[in-house]
Amino acid sequence: MSGRREISGFYSTGQAAKVLDMSPRTVLEYCRNGKIKAKQHPVTNQWIIADKDLKAFLKSKGIKPPDALDGKPDMEPEQKSPRVLVVDDEIFVRNAIKRHLDIENIETCEAADGEKGFELANSQIFDLILLDLQMPKVNGPKFIEKMHEVYNRTPIIIITGYPDSDLVAKAMNYGPITLVPKPFTRQTLLKAVYAVLDRPRNK
């Protein structure tokens, strides 16, 4: 028997985005901060929105639900691989992380500096960000500060060779953050990643 469970009467964030004429990123943030009542799929961990809750959100905005919402959607979200953004100016570190995560069927996207990382983090949807602290253009703490300014709460793991530096203390000003010191082992990295993703490792 399959471990996947069919969830009837629910919409994915992508489907809801089309109905609401919003970006998937905005819908995802609304789900995370409670502006749209939603829950996470018991198997895939994707955010899903009940038909009645999507209608309630539309009504609260004074928008008449389209006819497409009058029926009952029948959706089984695909069990997609997690997406992780790796922001580090050292290519050998990015390559090592990518190699470890590829084995786990975790999709990665890379940025060589904080500026590009911030651009990617706010133009695509990621489940997790692995962030270096000492980088050109935008360093780790500044990256986190900018993320808070735009209300992007994607979970972040800091990967640094300077775990006792002032930069770590500055980053922690924005709340508890998981820290993985360099050099790291594959086991240490994966333990942190799966803990933040809140899902078991692939076997």
N, C-alpha and C. Protein backbone atom coordinates (compact mmCIF):
# COMPACT_ATOMS: atom_id res chain seq x y z
N MET A 1 0.85 -1.20 0.00
CA MET A 1 0.00 0.00 0.00
C MET A 1 0.88 1.23 0.00
N SER A 2 0.50 2.22 -0.78
CA SER A 2 1.29 3.44 -0.88
C SER A 2 1.22 4.22 0.42
N GLY A 3 2.36 4.92 0.75
CA GLY A 3 2.39 5.75 1.95
C GLY A 3 1.75 7.10 1.72
N ARG A 4 1.36 7.40 0.49
CA ARG A 4 0.76 8.69 0.19
C ARG A 4 -0.73 8.65 0.52
N ARG A 5 -1.24 9.76 1.02
CA ARG A 5 -2.66 9.84 1.34
C ARG A 5 -3.32 10.87 0.45
N GLU A 6 -4.47 10.49 -0.11
CA GLU A 6 -5.20 11.42 -0.95
C GLU A 6 -5.92 12.43 -0.07
N ILE A 7 -5.80 13.69 -0.41
CA ILE A 7 -6.45 14.76 0.35
C ILE A 7 -7.46 15.43 -0.57
N SER A 8 -8.76 15.19 -0.31
CA SER A 8 -9.80 15.76 -1.15
C SER A 8 -10.26 17.09 -0.57
N GLY A 9 -10.66 18.00 -1.46
CA GLY A 9 -11.18 19.29 -1.02
C GLY A 9 -10.12 20.28 -0.64
N PHE A 10 -8.89 20.08 -1.11
CA PHE A 10 -7.79 20.98 -0.79
C PHE A 10 -7.09 21.47 -2.05
N TYR A 11 -6.48 22.65 -1.95
CA TYR A 11 -5.71 23.24 -3.03
C TYR A 11 -4.25 23.37 -2.62
N SER A 12 -3.35 23.19 -3.56
CA SER A 12 -1.94 23.48 -3.32
C SER A 12 -1.75 24.98 -3.35
N THR A 13 -0.60 25.47 -2.90
CA THR A 13 -0.33 26.91 -2.95
C THR A 13 -0.29 27.40 -4.40
N GLY A 14 0.18 26.54 -5.30
CA GLY A 14 0.22 26.93 -6.71
C GLY A 14 -1.17 27.09 -7.28
N GLN A 15 -2.07 26.15 -6.96
CA GLN A 15 -3.45 26.26 -7.43
C GLN A 15 -4.13 27.48 -6.82
N ALA A 16 -3.90 27.70 -5.52
CA ALA A 16 -4.51 28.86 -4.85
C ALA A 16 -3.99 30.17 -5.43
N ALA A 17 -2.71 30.19 -5.79
CA ALA A 17 -2.12 31.40 -6.36
C ALA A 17 -2.84 31.81 -7.64
N LYS A 18 -3.21 30.81 -8.46
CA LYS A 18 -3.93 31.11 -9.71
C LYS A 18 -5.31 31.68 -9.41
N VAL A 19 -5.99 31.10 -8.42
CA VAL A 19 -7.32 31.57 -8.05
C VAL A 19 -7.26 32.99 -7.49
N LEU A 20 -6.25 33.26 -6.64
CA LEU A 20 -6.13 34.54 -5.97
C LEU A 20 -5.41 35.60 -6.80
N ASP A 21 -4.85 35.19 -7.93
CA ASP A 21 -4.06 36.08 -8.77
C ASP A 21 -2.89 36.67 -7.96
N MET A 22 -2.21 35.79 -7.24
CA MET A 22 -1.04 36.16 -6.45
C MET A 22 0.13 35.28 -6.88
N SER A 23 1.32 35.66 -6.45
CA SER A 23 2.47 34.80 -6.70
C SER A 23 2.44 33.64 -5.72
N PRO A 24 2.97 32.46 -6.11
CA PRO A 24 3.03 31.33 -5.17
C PRO A 24 3.79 31.69 -3.90
N ARG A 25 4.84 32.53 -4.02
CA ARG A 25 5.61 32.95 -2.85
C ARG A 25 4.72 33.70 -1.86
N THR A 26 3.85 34.59 -2.35
CA THR A 26 2.97 35.35 -1.46
C THR A 26 1.99 34.41 -0.77
N VAL A 27 1.40 33.49 -1.51
CA VAL A 27 0.46 32.54 -0.93
C VAL A 27 1.15 31.69 0.13
N LEU A 28 2.38 31.26 -0.16
CA LEU A 28 3.14 30.46 0.79
C LEU A 28 3.36 31.23 2.08
N GLU A 29 3.74 32.50 1.97
CA GLU A 29 3.96 33.31 3.17
C GLU A 29 2.66 33.53 3.93
N TYR A 30 1.55 33.72 3.22
CA TYR A 30 0.25 33.87 3.88
C TYR A 30 -0.12 32.60 4.66
N CYS A 31 0.23 31.45 4.10
CA CYS A 31 -0.03 30.19 4.81
C CYS A 31 0.83 30.09 6.06
N ARG A 32 2.10 30.46 5.92
CA ARG A 32 3.03 30.35 7.05
C ARG A 32 2.67 31.29 8.18
N ASN A 33 2.21 32.51 7.84
CA ASN A 33 1.94 33.48 8.92
C ASN A 33 0.48 33.51 9.34
N GLY A 34 -0.35 32.61 8.78
CA GLY A 34 -1.72 32.48 9.23
C GLY A 34 -2.72 33.40 8.58
N LYS A 35 -2.29 34.20 7.61
CA LYS A 35 -3.25 35.08 6.92
C LYS A 35 -4.26 34.26 6.13
N ILE A 36 -3.79 33.13 5.60
CA ILE A 36 -4.68 32.15 4.98
C ILE A 36 -4.62 30.89 5.84
N LYS A 37 -5.78 30.40 6.28
CA LYS A 37 -5.81 29.20 7.09
C LYS A 37 -5.38 28.02 6.22
N ALA A 38 -4.35 27.30 6.64
CA ALA A 38 -3.82 26.19 5.85
C ALA A 38 -3.18 25.18 6.79
N LYS A 39 -2.85 24.03 6.24
CA LYS A 39 -2.14 23.02 7.00
C LYS A 39 -1.15 22.34 6.07
N GLN A 40 -0.28 21.54 6.63
CA GLN A 40 0.71 20.83 5.83
C GLN A 40 0.27 19.40 5.57
N HIS A 41 0.46 18.97 4.33
CA HIS A 41 0.10 17.62 3.93
C HIS A 41 0.85 16.62 4.82
N PRO A 42 0.18 15.58 5.32
CA PRO A 42 0.81 14.65 6.28
C PRO A 42 1.98 13.86 5.72
N VAL A 43 2.10 13.77 4.41
CA VAL A 43 3.19 13.01 3.82
C VAL A 43 4.21 13.92 3.14
N THR A 44 3.73 14.85 2.32
CA THR A 44 4.65 15.68 1.53
C THR A 44 5.13 16.92 2.25
N ASN A 45 4.41 17.33 3.32
CA ASN A 45 4.71 18.57 4.06
C ASN A 45 4.41 19.82 3.25
N GLN A 46 3.80 19.69 2.08
CA GLN A 46 3.41 20.88 1.32
C GLN A 46 2.22 21.54 2.00
N TRP A 47 2.16 22.88 1.91
CA TRP A 47 1.01 23.59 2.44
C TRP A 47 -0.19 23.35 1.54
N ILE A 48 -1.33 23.05 2.14
CA ILE A 48 -2.57 22.84 1.39
C ILE A 48 -3.68 23.65 2.06
N ILE A 49 -4.61 24.14 1.24
CA ILE A 49 -5.66 25.05 1.70
C ILE A 49 -7.02 24.43 1.41
N ALA A 50 -7.85 24.33 2.42
CA ALA A 50 -9.18 23.76 2.24
C ALA A 50 -10.03 24.67 1.38
N ASP A 51 -10.92 24.06 0.63
CA ASP A 51 -11.83 24.80 -0.24
C ASP A 51 -12.57 25.89 0.53
N LYS A 52 -13.10 25.53 1.71
CA LYS A 52 -13.87 26.49 2.50
C LYS A 52 -13.00 27.64 3.02
N ASP A 53 -11.72 27.34 3.33
CA ASP A 53 -10.84 28.38 3.84
C ASP A 53 -10.40 29.34 2.74
N LEU A 54 -10.24 28.80 1.52
CA LEU A 54 -9.91 29.67 0.40
C LEU A 54 -11.08 30.60 0.10
N LYS A 55 -12.30 30.06 0.17
CA LYS A 55 -13.49 30.89 -0.03
C LYS A 55 -13.60 31.95 1.06
N ALA A 56 -13.29 31.57 2.30
CA ALA A 56 -13.37 32.52 3.42
C ALA A 56 -12.37 33.66 3.23
N PHE A 57 -11.16 33.33 2.75
CA PHE A 57 -10.16 34.37 2.52
C PHE A 57 -10.64 35.32 1.43
N LEU A 58 -11.20 34.78 0.36
CA LEU A 58 -11.72 35.63 -0.72
C LEU A 58 -12.83 36.53 -0.20
N LYS A 59 -13.71 35.96 0.61
CA LYS A 59 -14.82 36.74 1.16
C LYS A 59 -14.31 37.86 2.05
N SER A 60 -13.25 37.59 2.83
CA SER A 60 -12.70 38.61 3.73
C SER A 60 -12.12 39.79 2.96
N LYS A 61 -11.74 39.52 1.70
CA LYS A 61 -11.19 40.57 0.85
C LYS A 61 -12.26 41.22 -0.03
N GLY A 62 -13.52 40.80 0.18
CA GLY A 62 -14.60 41.35 -0.61
C GLY A 62 -14.63 40.86 -2.03
N ILE A 63 -14.08 39.66 -2.26
CA ILE A 63 -14.01 39.09 -3.61
C ILE A 63 -14.95 37.90 -3.69
N LYS A 64 -15.80 37.89 -4.71
CA LYS A 64 -16.71 36.76 -4.91
C LYS A 64 -15.93 35.57 -5.44
N PRO A 65 -16.02 34.41 -4.79
CA PRO A 65 -15.30 33.23 -5.28
C PRO A 65 -15.71 32.89 -6.70
N PRO A 66 -14.77 32.58 -7.58
CA PRO A 66 -15.10 32.22 -8.96
C PRO A 66 -15.86 30.90 -9.00
N ASP A 67 -16.54 30.66 -10.11
CA ASP A 67 -17.33 29.45 -10.25
C ASP A 67 -16.49 28.20 -10.05
N ALA A 68 -15.20 28.30 -10.39
CA ALA A 68 -14.31 27.12 -10.28
C ALA A 68 -14.23 26.61 -8.86
N LEU A 69 -14.53 27.49 -7.89
CA LEU A 69 -14.45 27.07 -6.49
C LEU A 69 -15.76 26.45 -6.00
N ASP A 70 -16.81 26.48 -6.85
CA ASP A 70 -18.09 25.94 -6.42
C ASP A 70 -18.07 24.42 -6.34
N GLY A 71 -17.16 23.81 -7.08
CA GLY A 71 -17.04 22.36 -7.04
C GLY A 71 -16.13 21.94 -5.89
N LYS A 72 -15.83 20.66 -5.84
CA LYS A 72 -14.93 20.14 -4.81
C LYS A 72 -13.64 19.66 -5.46
N PRO A 73 -12.56 20.38 -5.25
CA PRO A 73 -11.29 19.95 -5.85
C PRO A 73 -10.86 18.63 -5.26
N ASP A 74 -10.23 17.83 -6.05
CA ASP A 74 -9.74 16.53 -5.60
C ASP A 74 -8.25 16.49 -5.93
N MET A 75 -7.43 16.71 -4.93
CA MET A 75 -6.00 16.90 -5.20
C MET A 75 -5.18 15.96 -4.33
N GLU A 76 -4.21 15.35 -4.93
CA GLU A 76 -3.20 14.57 -4.19
C GLU A 76 -1.86 15.21 -4.50
N PRO A 77 -1.32 16.04 -3.61
CA PRO A 77 -0.06 16.72 -3.91
C PRO A 77 1.04 15.72 -4.20
N GLU A 78 1.84 16.06 -5.18
CA GLU A 78 2.98 15.22 -5.50
C GLU A 78 3.99 15.26 -4.36
N GLN A 79 4.65 14.14 -4.12
CA GLN A 79 5.66 14.09 -3.07
C GLN A 79 6.97 14.61 -3.66
N LYS A 80 7.07 15.93 -3.69
CA LYS A 80 8.22 16.56 -4.32
C LYS A 80 9.43 16.54 -3.40
N SER A 81 10.59 16.56 -4.01
CA SER A 81 11.83 16.63 -3.24
C SER A 81 11.95 18.02 -2.63
N PRO A 82 12.55 18.12 -1.44
CA PRO A 82 12.80 19.44 -0.86
C PRO A 82 13.72 20.26 -1.76
N ARG A 83 13.56 21.58 -1.71
CA ARG A 83 14.43 22.48 -2.47
C ARG A 83 15.26 23.30 -1.48
N VAL A 84 16.57 23.27 -1.67
CA VAL A 84 17.48 23.96 -0.76
C VAL A 84 18.33 24.96 -1.53
N LEU A 85 18.40 26.18 -1.03
CA LEU A 85 19.25 27.21 -1.60
C LEU A 85 20.56 27.25 -0.83
N VAL A 86 21.68 27.11 -1.54
CA VAL A 86 23.00 27.14 -0.92
C VAL A 86 23.67 28.47 -1.26
N VAL A 87 23.94 29.29 -0.24
CA VAL A 87 24.54 30.61 -0.45
C VAL A 87 25.92 30.61 0.20
N ASP A 88 26.96 30.51 -0.61
CA ASP A 88 28.34 30.44 -0.11
C ASP A 88 29.28 30.88 -1.22
N ASP A 89 30.28 31.69 -0.88
CA ASP A 89 31.18 32.21 -1.92
C ASP A 89 32.29 31.23 -2.26
N GLU A 90 32.38 30.11 -1.55
CA GLU A 90 33.42 29.11 -1.83
C GLU A 90 32.82 27.98 -2.66
N ILE A 91 33.29 27.85 -3.89
CA ILE A 91 32.70 26.88 -4.81
C ILE A 91 32.88 25.45 -4.33
N PHE A 92 34.00 25.16 -3.66
CA PHE A 92 34.20 23.78 -3.20
C PHE A 92 33.22 23.42 -2.09
N VAL A 93 32.81 24.41 -1.30
CA VAL A 93 31.80 24.17 -0.27
C VAL A 93 30.45 23.92 -0.92
N ARG A 94 30.10 24.75 -1.90
CA ARG A 94 28.83 24.57 -2.60
C ARG A 94 28.79 23.20 -3.28
N ASN A 95 29.90 22.82 -3.90
CA ASN A 95 29.95 21.52 -4.58
C ASN A 95 29.79 20.36 -3.60
N ALA A 96 30.43 20.49 -2.43
CA ALA A 96 30.34 19.42 -1.42
C ALA A 96 28.91 19.29 -0.92
N ILE A 97 28.27 20.42 -0.65
CA ILE A 97 26.88 20.38 -0.17
C ILE A 97 25.96 19.78 -1.23
N LYS A 98 26.15 20.22 -2.47
CA LYS A 98 25.33 19.70 -3.56
C LYS A 98 25.50 18.19 -3.70
N ARG A 99 26.73 17.72 -3.58
CA ARG A 99 27.01 16.29 -3.71
C ARG A 99 26.30 15.50 -2.61
N HIS A 100 26.38 16.01 -1.38
CA HIS A 100 25.73 15.31 -0.26
C HIS A 100 24.21 15.30 -0.41
N LEU A 101 23.64 16.42 -0.83
CA LEU A 101 22.18 16.52 -0.93
C LEU A 101 21.63 15.79 -2.14
N ASP A 102 22.41 15.76 -3.21
CA ASP A 102 21.98 15.01 -4.41
C ASP A 102 21.73 13.55 -4.07
N ILE A 103 22.61 12.98 -3.24
CA ILE A 103 22.47 11.58 -2.85
C ILE A 103 21.14 11.35 -2.12
N GLU A 104 20.68 12.38 -1.42
CA GLU A 104 19.43 12.29 -0.66
C GLU A 104 18.22 12.70 -1.48
N ASN A 105 18.42 12.94 -2.77
CA ASN A 105 17.33 13.38 -3.65
C ASN A 105 16.75 14.73 -3.19
N ILE A 106 17.64 15.60 -2.72
CA ILE A 106 17.25 16.95 -2.33
C ILE A 106 17.77 17.91 -3.41
N GLU A 107 16.87 18.67 -3.99
CA GLU A 107 17.24 19.59 -5.07
C GLU A 107 17.96 20.81 -4.50
N THR A 108 19.04 21.24 -5.17
CA THR A 108 19.78 22.41 -4.70
C THR A 108 19.85 23.49 -5.78
N CYS A 109 19.94 24.71 -5.31
CA CYS A 109 20.17 25.87 -6.17
C CYS A 109 21.29 26.66 -5.49
N GLU A 110 22.20 27.24 -6.26
CA GLU A 110 23.39 27.85 -5.67
C GLU A 110 23.51 29.34 -5.96
N ALA A 111 24.12 30.03 -5.00
CA ALA A 111 24.44 31.45 -5.16
C ALA A 111 25.82 31.69 -4.56
N ALA A 112 26.66 32.45 -5.27
CA ALA A 112 28.04 32.67 -4.84
C ALA A 112 28.20 33.89 -3.94
N ASP A 113 27.14 34.62 -3.71
CA ASP A 113 27.22 35.76 -2.78
C ASP A 113 25.83 36.04 -2.23
N GLY A 114 25.79 36.84 -1.17
CA GLY A 114 24.52 37.10 -0.51
C GLY A 114 23.53 37.88 -1.35
N GLU A 115 24.02 38.75 -2.21
CA GLU A 115 23.13 39.54 -3.06
C GLU A 115 22.34 38.65 -4.01
N LYS A 116 23.06 37.76 -4.70
CA LYS A 116 22.39 36.83 -5.61
C LYS A 116 21.51 35.86 -4.83
N GLY A 117 21.98 35.44 -3.65
CA GLY A 117 21.19 34.53 -2.83
C GLY A 117 19.86 35.16 -2.43
N PHE A 118 19.90 36.43 -2.06
CA PHE A 118 18.67 37.14 -1.65
C PHE A 118 17.71 37.23 -2.84
N GLU A 119 18.25 37.50 -4.00
CA GLU A 119 17.42 37.59 -5.21
C GLU A 119 16.72 36.26 -5.49
N LEU A 120 17.48 35.16 -5.39
CA LEU A 120 16.90 33.84 -5.63
C LEU A 120 15.88 33.47 -4.55
N ALA A 121 16.20 33.79 -3.30
CA ALA A 121 15.33 33.43 -2.18
C ALA A 121 13.96 34.08 -2.28
N ASN A 122 13.89 35.20 -2.98
CA ASN A 122 12.63 35.93 -3.07
C ASN A 122 11.99 35.88 -4.45
N SER A 123 12.57 35.08 -5.33
CA SER A 123 11.97 34.88 -6.64
C SER A 123 11.56 33.42 -6.85
N GLN A 124 12.02 32.54 -5.96
CA GLN A 124 11.67 31.13 -6.03
C GLN A 124 11.27 30.66 -4.63
N ILE A 125 10.68 29.47 -4.58
CA ILE A 125 10.27 28.90 -3.29
C ILE A 125 11.25 27.82 -2.87
N PHE A 126 11.80 27.98 -1.67
CA PHE A 126 12.74 27.00 -1.11
C PHE A 126 12.22 26.52 0.24
N ASP A 127 12.58 25.30 0.59
CA ASP A 127 12.22 24.76 1.89
C ASP A 127 13.25 25.10 2.95
N LEU A 128 14.46 25.45 2.51
CA LEU A 128 15.57 25.68 3.43
C LEU A 128 16.67 26.46 2.73
N ILE A 129 17.39 27.28 3.50
CA ILE A 129 18.55 28.01 2.98
C ILE A 129 19.77 27.65 3.82
N LEU A 130 20.86 27.24 3.15
CA LEU A 130 22.14 27.02 3.81
C LEU A 130 22.99 28.25 3.53
N LEU A 131 23.38 28.95 4.58
CA LEU A 131 23.95 30.28 4.44
C LEU A 131 25.33 30.41 5.07
N ASP A 132 26.31 30.87 4.28
CA ASP A 132 27.62 31.22 4.81
C ASP A 132 27.51 32.60 5.46
N LEU A 133 28.46 32.94 6.32
CA LEU A 133 28.42 34.25 6.99
C LEU A 133 29.31 35.29 6.32
N GLN A 134 30.54 34.90 6.00
CA GLN A 134 31.48 35.85 5.43
C GLN A 134 31.46 35.73 3.91
N MET A 135 30.78 36.70 3.28
CA MET A 135 30.64 36.70 1.82
C MET A 135 30.72 38.13 1.30
N PRO A 136 31.08 38.29 0.03
CA PRO A 136 31.09 39.63 -0.57
C PRO A 136 29.68 40.16 -0.79
N LYS A 137 29.58 41.47 -0.94
CA LYS A 137 28.34 42.20 -1.25
C LYS A 137 27.35 42.20 -0.09
N VAL A 138 26.80 41.04 0.25
CA VAL A 138 25.86 40.94 1.36
C VAL A 138 26.29 39.76 2.23
N ASN A 139 26.70 40.03 3.48
CA ASN A 139 27.14 38.93 4.34
C ASN A 139 25.94 38.24 4.99
N GLY A 140 26.22 37.22 5.79
CA GLY A 140 25.16 36.43 6.38
C GLY A 140 24.15 37.21 7.21
N PRO A 141 24.61 37.97 8.22
CA PRO A 141 23.66 38.73 9.03
C PRO A 141 22.83 39.73 8.22
N LYS A 142 23.48 40.39 7.25
CA LYS A 142 22.74 41.34 6.41
C LYS A 142 21.70 40.62 5.57
N PHE A 143 22.04 39.42 5.09
CA PHE A 143 21.11 38.60 4.32
C PHE A 143 19.87 38.30 5.17
N ILE A 144 20.10 37.86 6.41
CA ILE A 144 18.98 37.53 7.30
C ILE A 144 18.14 38.78 7.60
N GLU A 145 18.82 39.91 7.81
CA GLU A 145 18.11 41.16 8.07
C GLU A 145 17.19 41.52 6.89
N LYS A 146 17.73 41.40 5.67
CA LYS A 146 16.95 41.72 4.49
C LYS A 146 15.77 40.75 4.32
N MET A 147 15.98 39.49 4.67
CA MET A 147 14.89 38.51 4.59
C MET A 147 13.76 38.89 5.55
N HIS A 148 14.11 39.34 6.75
CA HIS A 148 13.09 39.76 7.71
C HIS A 148 12.35 41.00 7.23
N GLU A 149 13.05 41.89 6.55
CA GLU A 149 12.43 43.11 6.06
C GLU A 149 11.33 42.82 5.05
N VAL A 150 11.48 41.73 4.30
CA VAL A 150 10.46 41.38 3.30
C VAL A 150 9.57 40.23 3.80
N TYR A 151 9.64 39.95 5.11
CA TYR A 151 8.80 38.93 5.75
C TYR A 151 8.98 37.54 5.13
N ASN A 152 10.19 37.25 4.69
CA ASN A 152 10.49 35.92 4.18
C ASN A 152 11.07 35.10 5.33
N ARG A 153 10.35 34.09 5.76
CA ARG A 153 10.74 33.30 6.93
C ARG A 153 11.21 31.90 6.54
N THR A 154 11.79 31.74 5.35
CA THR A 154 12.34 30.45 4.97
C THR A 154 13.39 30.03 6.01
N PRO A 155 13.33 28.81 6.53
CA PRO A 155 14.30 28.37 7.53
C PRO A 155 15.74 28.49 7.02
N ILE A 156 16.65 28.86 7.92
CA ILE A 156 18.05 29.06 7.55
C ILE A 156 18.96 28.25 8.46
N ILE A 157 19.95 27.60 7.85
CA ILE A 157 21.05 26.97 8.59
C ILE A 157 22.31 27.74 8.24
N ILE A 158 23.03 28.20 9.26
CA ILE A 158 24.30 28.89 9.03
C ILE A 158 25.42 27.88 8.97
N ILE A 159 26.23 27.98 7.92
CA ILE A 159 27.41 27.12 7.77
C ILE A 159 28.63 28.03 7.75
N THR A 160 29.47 27.92 8.77
CA THR A 160 30.58 28.87 8.89
C THR A 160 31.81 28.23 9.51
N GLY A 161 32.96 28.76 9.15
CA GLY A 161 34.21 28.32 9.75
C GLY A 161 34.56 29.14 10.98
N TYR A 162 33.67 30.09 11.33
CA TYR A 162 33.92 30.99 12.46
C TYR A 162 32.71 30.98 13.40
N PRO A 163 32.44 29.85 14.05
CA PRO A 163 31.23 29.74 14.88
C PRO A 163 31.20 30.66 16.10
N ASP A 164 32.36 31.20 16.47
CA ASP A 164 32.41 32.08 17.64
C ASP A 164 32.55 33.55 17.25
N SER A 165 32.37 33.88 15.98
CA SER A 165 32.58 35.24 15.52
C SER A 165 31.41 36.16 15.87
N ASP A 166 31.66 37.46 15.76
CA ASP A 166 30.61 38.45 15.99
C ASP A 166 29.48 38.31 14.97
N LEU A 167 29.81 37.82 13.79
CA LEU A 167 28.78 37.66 12.76
C LEU A 167 27.71 36.66 13.19
N VAL A 168 28.14 35.61 13.90
CA VAL A 168 27.17 34.63 14.39
C VAL A 168 26.24 35.30 15.40
N ALA A 169 26.82 36.08 16.31
CA ALA A 169 26.02 36.78 17.31
C ALA A 169 25.02 37.73 16.65
N LYS A 170 25.45 38.42 15.59
CA LYS A 170 24.54 39.33 14.88
C LYS A 170 23.41 38.56 14.21
N ALA A 171 23.75 37.42 13.63
CA ALA A 171 22.73 36.60 12.96
C ALA A 171 21.70 36.09 13.96
N MET A 172 22.16 35.75 15.17
CA MET A 172 21.27 35.21 16.19
C MET A 172 20.32 36.27 16.75
N ASN A 173 20.58 37.53 16.46
CA ASN A 173 19.68 38.60 16.90
C ASN A 173 18.30 38.47 16.28
N TYR A 174 18.22 37.73 15.18
CA TYR A 174 16.95 37.59 14.48
C TYR A 174 16.22 36.29 14.86
N GLY A 175 16.71 35.65 15.90
CA GLY A 175 16.04 34.44 16.37
C GLY A 175 16.97 33.24 16.33
N PRO A 176 16.54 32.13 16.92
CA PRO A 176 17.36 30.91 16.94
C PRO A 176 17.63 30.40 15.52
N ILE A 177 18.88 30.09 15.25
CA ILE A 177 19.27 29.58 13.93
C ILE A 177 20.19 28.38 14.14
N THR A 178 19.97 27.33 13.38
CA THR A 178 20.84 26.16 13.44
C THR A 178 22.21 26.50 12.87
N LEU A 179 23.26 26.05 13.55
CA LEU A 179 24.63 26.36 13.15
C LEU A 179 25.39 25.07 12.85
N VAL A 180 26.00 25.00 11.67
CA VAL A 180 26.86 23.88 11.31
C VAL A 180 28.26 24.42 11.06
N PRO A 181 29.23 24.09 11.89
CA PRO A 181 30.60 24.61 11.71
C PRO A 181 31.33 23.92 10.56
N LYS A 182 32.17 24.70 9.88
CA LYS A 182 33.07 24.14 8.86
C LYS A 182 34.38 23.76 9.54
N PRO A 183 35.05 22.71 9.08
CA PRO A 183 34.57 21.74 8.07
C PRO A 183 33.52 20.83 8.69
N PHE A 184 32.59 20.38 7.88
CA PHE A 184 31.51 19.54 8.37
C PHE A 184 31.58 18.17 7.69
N THR A 185 31.03 17.18 8.37
CA THR A 185 30.93 15.85 7.78
C THR A 185 29.57 15.73 7.09
N ARG A 186 29.47 14.75 6.25
CA ARG A 186 28.19 14.52 5.57
C ARG A 186 27.09 14.24 6.60
N GLN A 187 27.42 13.46 7.61
CA GLN A 187 26.43 13.10 8.63
C GLN A 187 25.97 14.33 9.40
N THR A 188 26.90 15.22 9.75
CA THR A 188 26.55 16.43 10.49
C THR A 188 25.64 17.33 9.66
N LEU A 189 25.99 17.49 8.39
CA LEU A 189 25.18 18.32 7.50
C LEU A 189 23.77 17.77 7.36
N LEU A 190 23.66 16.47 7.07
CA LEU A 190 22.35 15.88 6.84
C LEU A 190 21.49 15.86 8.11
N LYS A 191 22.13 15.66 9.25
CA LYS A 191 21.37 15.68 10.50
C LYS A 191 20.72 17.04 10.71
N ALA A 192 21.46 18.11 10.43
CA ALA A 192 20.92 19.46 10.58
C ALA A 192 19.82 19.74 9.56
N VAL A 193 20.08 19.34 8.32
CA VAL A 193 19.11 19.58 7.24
C VAL A 193 17.78 18.89 7.52
N TYR A 194 17.84 17.61 7.87
CA TYR A 194 16.59 16.88 8.10
C TYR A 194 15.88 17.35 9.37
N ALA A 195 16.63 17.81 10.35
CA ALA A 195 16.00 18.34 11.57
C ALA A 195 15.21 19.60 11.26
N VAL A 196 15.78 20.48 10.43
CA VAL A 196 15.09 21.73 10.09
C VAL A 196 13.92 21.45 9.13
N LEU A 197 14.11 20.52 8.19
CA LEU A 197 13.03 20.18 7.29
C LEU A 197 11.92 19.42 8.00
N ASP A 198 12.23 18.91 9.20
CA ASP A 198 11.27 18.19 10.03
C ASP A 198 10.67 17.00 9.27
N ARG A 199 11.56 16.21 8.68
CA ARG A 199 11.12 15.00 8.00
C ARG A 199 12.19 13.94 8.13
N PRO A 200 11.83 12.67 8.06
CA PRO A 200 12.83 11.60 8.17
C PRO A 200 13.72 11.55 6.95
N ARG A 201 14.92 10.98 7.11
CA ARG A 201 15.82 10.81 5.99
C ARG A 201 15.28 9.79 5.01
N ASN A 202 15.59 10.00 3.72
CA ASN A 202 15.26 8.99 2.72
C ASN A 202 16.09 7.75 2.98
N LYS A 203 15.49 6.61 2.85
CA LYS A 203 16.20 5.34 3.07
C LYS A 203 16.54 4.70 1.74
